[in-house]
Amino acid sequence: MTTTIDVSELIVSIYRETLHDETLGANSDFFEAGGDSLTAFQITARLQATLDIEVPVALVFAYPSPADLAEVVAADF
């Protein structure tokens, strides 16, 4: 049985847990939600562990919303 992962939903979930804010959505901004370098590393570590792909921390800074980050990550997944 093959499981399809919705990368955008996964990233929203990781943002919510890491930034401790259940109101965050796909278009929420990492920086406006209180994100910093430590939380960026936590987000990329969770993505790497879940998807088994390398996710450079710089991507969180370059693509600060879950929707934008998902597009880039999904291209590699």
Protein backbone atom coordinates (compact mmCIF):
# COMPACT_ATOMS: atom_id res chain seq x y z
CA MET A 1 0.00 0.00 0.00
CA THR A 2 1.43 3.38 -1.03
CA THR A 3 0.86 6.44 1.13
CA THR A 4 0.78 9.85 -0.50
CA ILE A 5 2.15 12.64 1.64
CA ASP A 6 0.73 16.13 1.20
CA VAL A 7 3.94 18.11 1.66
CA SER A 8 2.11 21.38 2.29
CA GLU A 9 -0.03 19.86 5.06
CA LEU A 10 3.06 18.24 6.55
CA ILE A 11 4.95 21.54 6.63
CA VAL A 12 1.97 23.39 8.14
CA SER A 13 1.84 20.74 10.85
CA ILE A 14 5.57 21.06 11.53
CA TYR A 15 5.32 24.88 11.64
CA ARG A 16 2.43 24.65 14.11
CA GLU A 17 4.29 22.27 16.42
CA THR A 18 7.67 23.97 16.19
CA LEU A 19 6.34 27.52 16.56
CA HIS A 20 3.69 26.48 19.13
CA ASP A 21 0.83 28.13 17.20
CA GLU A 22 -2.10 26.00 16.04
CA THR A 23 -3.54 28.95 14.06
CA LEU A 24 -0.77 28.91 11.44
CA GLY A 25 -1.83 28.06 7.90
CA ALA A 26 -0.25 27.43 4.52
CA ASN A 27 0.35 31.13 3.89
CA SER A 28 1.63 32.04 7.36
CA ASP A 29 5.00 33.75 7.45
CA PHE A 30 7.79 32.01 9.37
CA PHE A 31 9.26 35.29 10.61
CA GLU A 32 5.94 36.89 11.60
CA ALA A 33 5.13 33.72 13.57
CA GLY A 34 8.27 34.20 15.66
CA GLY A 35 10.60 31.92 13.71
CA ASP A 36 14.34 32.17 14.19
CA SER A 37 17.44 30.20 13.21
CA LEU A 38 16.87 27.55 15.89
CA THR A 39 13.30 26.87 14.80
CA ALA A 40 14.39 26.85 11.16
CA PHE A 41 16.85 24.05 11.99
CA GLN A 42 14.13 22.19 13.88
CA ILE A 43 11.77 22.46 10.90
CA THR A 44 14.34 21.21 8.39
CA ALA A 45 15.39 18.36 10.70
CA ARG A 46 11.77 17.20 10.98
CA LEU A 47 11.30 17.42 7.22
CA GLN A 48 14.49 15.48 6.56
CA ALA A 49 13.51 12.77 9.04
CA THR A 50 9.98 12.46 7.67
CA LEU A 51 10.68 12.69 3.93
CA ASP A 52 14.20 11.22 3.90
CA ILE A 53 15.54 14.05 1.74
CA GLU A 54 18.04 16.83 2.42
CA VAL A 55 16.39 20.17 3.18
CA PRO A 56 18.88 23.03 3.56
CA VAL A 57 17.94 25.42 6.37
CA ALA A 58 18.38 28.33 3.96
CA LEU A 59 15.17 27.23 2.22
CA VAL A 60 13.10 28.15 5.28
CA PHE A 61 14.51 31.67 5.11
CA ALA A 62 14.11 31.95 1.33
CA TYR A 63 10.60 30.46 1.29
CA PRO A 64 9.09 31.49 4.65
CA SER A 65 5.52 30.27 4.17
CA PRO A 66 4.63 26.57 4.32
CA ALA A 67 3.02 26.81 0.87
CA ASP A 68 6.14 28.29 -0.74
CA LEU A 69 8.47 25.90 1.07
CA ALA A 70 6.26 22.96 0.08
CA GLU A 71 6.61 23.77 -3.62
CA VAL A 72 10.40 23.64 -3.39
CA VAL A 73 10.52 20.56 -1.16
CA ALA A 74 7.92 18.68 -3.21
CA ALA A 75 10.04 19.17 -6.33
CA ASP A 76 12.80 17.12 -4.64
CA PHE A 77 10.48 14.55 -3.08
